[in-house]
Amino acid sequence: VFVLSYLYLAGRLLDILRCQGQRGLQAFMEALEFYHPEQYTQLTGKQPTQRCSLILGKKPLLYICTL
């Protein structure tokens, strides 16, 4: 039951990223880098930087799609 829930959530995340395009992916990667640096390093093989995130600016880069 938990595996199906995780698979659903992973699929939902991929749907959101696909619908948001390059800007959505950029916002996701920045949020991952900022809030979850260990997972960012596992995913990319790069160390996170200490810069401010673009997703915190005046115009948000990520809008959630609804089904």
N, C-alpha and C. Protein backbone atom coordinates (compact mmCIF):
# COMPACT_ATOMS: atom_id res chain seq x y z
N VAL A 1 0.83 -1.20 0.00
CA VAL A 1 0.00 0.00 0.00
C VAL A 1 0.87 1.25 0.00
N PHE A 2 1.94 1.27 0.82
CA PHE A 2 2.80 2.44 0.85
C PHE A 2 3.57 2.62 -0.46
N VAL A 3 3.96 1.51 -1.07
CA VAL A 3 4.69 1.59 -2.34
C VAL A 3 3.82 2.24 -3.40
N LEU A 4 2.55 1.87 -3.46
CA LEU A 4 1.65 2.48 -4.43
C LEU A 4 1.48 3.97 -4.17
N SER A 5 1.43 4.36 -2.90
CA SER A 5 1.31 5.78 -2.56
C SER A 5 2.54 6.55 -3.04
N TYR A 6 3.72 5.99 -2.80
CA TYR A 6 4.94 6.66 -3.24
C TYR A 6 5.02 6.72 -4.76
N LEU A 7 4.60 5.65 -5.42
CA LEU A 7 4.60 5.66 -6.88
C LEU A 7 3.63 6.71 -7.41
N TYR A 8 2.47 6.82 -6.79
CA TYR A 8 1.49 7.83 -7.21
C TYR A 8 2.07 9.23 -7.02
N LEU A 9 2.67 9.47 -5.85
CA LEU A 9 3.23 10.80 -5.57
C LEU A 9 4.38 11.13 -6.52
N ALA A 10 5.22 10.15 -6.81
CA ALA A 10 6.32 10.38 -7.75
C ALA A 10 5.77 10.69 -9.14
N GLY A 11 4.76 9.95 -9.57
CA GLY A 11 4.14 10.22 -10.86
C GLY A 11 3.49 11.59 -10.90
N ARG A 12 2.87 11.97 -9.81
CA ARG A 12 2.22 13.29 -9.73
C ARG A 12 3.26 14.41 -9.84
N LEU A 13 4.38 14.23 -9.16
CA LEU A 13 5.46 15.22 -9.22
C LEU A 13 5.98 15.34 -10.65
N LEU A 14 6.17 14.21 -11.32
CA LEU A 14 6.65 14.26 -12.70
C LEU A 14 5.64 14.94 -13.62
N ASP A 15 4.35 14.72 -13.38
CA ASP A 15 3.31 15.40 -14.17
C ASP A 15 3.38 16.91 -13.97
N ILE A 16 3.56 17.34 -12.73
CA ILE A 16 3.64 18.77 -12.43
C ILE A 16 4.85 19.38 -13.11
N LEU A 17 6.00 18.70 -12.99
CA LEU A 17 7.22 19.23 -13.61
C LEU A 17 7.08 19.30 -15.14
N ARG A 18 6.49 18.27 -15.74
CA ARG A 18 6.30 18.27 -17.18
C ARG A 18 5.41 19.43 -17.61
N CYS A 19 4.36 19.68 -16.87
CA CYS A 19 3.42 20.75 -17.23
C CYS A 19 4.05 22.13 -17.03
N GLN A 20 5.02 22.25 -16.14
CA GLN A 20 5.65 23.54 -15.87
C GLN A 20 6.83 23.83 -16.79
N GLY A 21 7.35 22.83 -17.45
CA GLY A 21 8.45 23.04 -18.38
C GLY A 21 9.77 23.35 -17.70
N GLN A 22 10.63 24.05 -18.42
CA GLN A 22 11.98 24.34 -17.94
C GLN A 22 11.97 25.17 -16.67
N ARG A 23 11.09 26.14 -16.58
CA ARG A 23 11.03 26.99 -15.37
C ARG A 23 10.59 26.19 -14.15
N GLY A 24 9.67 25.26 -14.34
CA GLY A 24 9.24 24.41 -13.24
C GLY A 24 10.36 23.51 -12.76
N LEU A 25 11.10 22.94 -13.71
CA LEU A 25 12.24 22.09 -13.35
C LEU A 25 13.29 22.91 -12.62
N GLN A 26 13.55 24.12 -13.10
CA GLN A 26 14.54 24.98 -12.45
C GLN A 26 14.11 25.29 -11.02
N ALA A 27 12.85 25.62 -10.82
CA ALA A 27 12.36 25.93 -9.48
C ALA A 27 12.45 24.70 -8.58
N PHE A 28 12.10 23.52 -9.11
CA PHE A 28 12.19 22.28 -8.33
C PHE A 28 13.63 22.01 -7.91
N MET A 29 14.56 22.13 -8.86
CA MET A 29 15.97 21.85 -8.54
C MET A 29 16.52 22.86 -7.53
N GLU A 30 16.11 24.11 -7.63
CA GLU A 30 16.56 25.11 -6.66
C GLU A 30 15.98 24.82 -5.28
N ALA A 31 14.72 24.43 -5.23
CA ALA A 31 14.12 24.09 -3.94
C ALA A 31 14.79 22.86 -3.34
N LEU A 32 15.07 21.88 -4.16
CA LEU A 32 15.77 20.68 -3.69
C LEU A 32 17.15 21.05 -3.17
N GLU A 33 17.86 21.88 -3.90
CA GLU A 33 19.20 22.32 -3.49
C GLU A 33 19.14 23.10 -2.18
N PHE A 34 18.14 23.95 -2.03
CA PHE A 34 18.04 24.83 -0.87
C PHE A 34 17.56 24.09 0.38
N TYR A 35 16.50 23.29 0.24
CA TYR A 35 15.87 22.66 1.40
C TYR A 35 16.35 21.23 1.67
N HIS A 36 16.87 20.54 0.67
CA HIS A 36 17.30 19.15 0.82
C HIS A 36 18.65 18.94 0.12
N PRO A 37 19.71 19.54 0.66
CA PRO A 37 21.00 19.50 -0.01
C PRO A 37 21.57 18.08 -0.19
N GLU A 38 21.29 17.18 0.74
CA GLU A 38 21.82 15.81 0.61
C GLU A 38 21.20 15.11 -0.60
N GLN A 39 19.89 15.25 -0.77
CA GLN A 39 19.23 14.64 -1.91
C GLN A 39 19.65 15.30 -3.22
N TYR A 40 19.88 16.60 -3.19
CA TYR A 40 20.36 17.32 -4.37
C TYR A 40 21.71 16.74 -4.82
N THR A 41 22.60 16.52 -3.85
CA THR A 41 23.91 15.96 -4.17
C THR A 41 23.79 14.54 -4.71
N GLN A 42 22.89 13.74 -4.12
CA GLN A 42 22.68 12.38 -4.62
C GLN A 42 22.16 12.39 -6.06
N LEU A 43 21.26 13.31 -6.36
CA LEU A 43 20.63 13.37 -7.68
C LEU A 43 21.57 13.91 -8.75
N THR A 44 22.31 14.96 -8.41
CA THR A 44 23.12 15.65 -9.42
C THR A 44 24.61 15.33 -9.37
N GLY A 45 25.09 14.88 -8.21
CA GLY A 45 26.52 14.66 -8.04
C GLY A 45 27.27 15.96 -7.77
N LYS A 46 26.55 17.06 -7.62
CA LYS A 46 27.15 18.38 -7.36
C LYS A 46 26.86 18.80 -5.93
N GLN A 47 27.77 19.60 -5.38
CA GLN A 47 27.53 20.18 -4.06
C GLN A 47 26.63 21.39 -4.21
N PRO A 48 25.67 21.58 -3.29
CA PRO A 48 24.81 22.76 -3.36
C PRO A 48 25.60 24.04 -3.13
N THR A 49 25.15 25.11 -3.78
CA THR A 49 25.77 26.42 -3.57
C THR A 49 25.04 27.13 -2.44
N GLN A 50 25.59 28.20 -1.96
CA GLN A 50 24.99 28.95 -0.86
C GLN A 50 24.28 30.21 -1.33
N ARG A 51 23.93 30.28 -2.61
CA ARG A 51 23.26 31.48 -3.13
C ARG A 51 21.77 31.46 -2.78
N CYS A 52 21.15 32.60 -2.89
CA CYS A 52 19.72 32.71 -2.65
C CYS A 52 18.96 32.05 -3.80
N SER A 53 17.80 31.54 -3.50
CA SER A 53 17.00 30.86 -4.50
C SER A 53 16.17 31.85 -5.30
N LEU A 54 16.05 31.61 -6.61
CA LEU A 54 15.21 32.44 -7.48
C LEU A 54 13.73 32.26 -7.17
N ILE A 55 13.34 31.14 -6.55
CA ILE A 55 11.93 30.90 -6.29
C ILE A 55 11.41 31.79 -5.18
N LEU A 56 12.29 32.51 -4.49
CA LEU A 56 11.86 33.40 -3.42
C LEU A 56 11.66 34.83 -3.91
N GLY A 57 11.79 35.05 -5.20
CA GLY A 57 11.66 36.39 -5.77
C GLY A 57 10.23 36.90 -5.83
N LYS A 58 10.04 38.04 -6.48
CA LYS A 58 8.72 38.67 -6.58
C LYS A 58 7.76 37.87 -7.43
N LYS A 59 8.24 37.34 -8.54
CA LYS A 59 7.37 36.58 -9.45
C LYS A 59 7.66 35.09 -9.27
N PRO A 60 6.73 34.32 -8.72
CA PRO A 60 7.03 32.91 -8.48
C PRO A 60 7.24 32.14 -9.77
N LEU A 61 8.19 31.21 -9.74
CA LEU A 61 8.50 30.41 -10.92
C LEU A 61 7.68 29.13 -10.99
N LEU A 62 7.09 28.72 -9.89
CA LEU A 62 6.42 27.43 -9.86
C LEU A 62 4.95 27.61 -9.52
N TYR A 63 4.09 27.17 -10.41
CA TYR A 63 2.65 27.16 -10.17
C TYR A 63 2.22 25.72 -10.21
N ILE A 64 1.40 25.31 -9.27
CA ILE A 64 0.97 23.92 -9.19
C ILE A 64 -0.18 23.69 -10.16
N CYS A 65 -0.07 22.64 -10.95
CA CYS A 65 -1.14 22.24 -11.88
C CYS A 65 -2.16 21.41 -11.10
N THR A 66 -3.38 21.50 -11.49
CA THR A 66 -4.40 20.65 -10.89
C THR A 66 -4.85 19.64 -11.91
N LEU A 67 -5.25 18.46 -11.42
CA LEU A 67 -5.72 17.40 -12.32
C LEU A 67 -7.14 17.65 -12.76
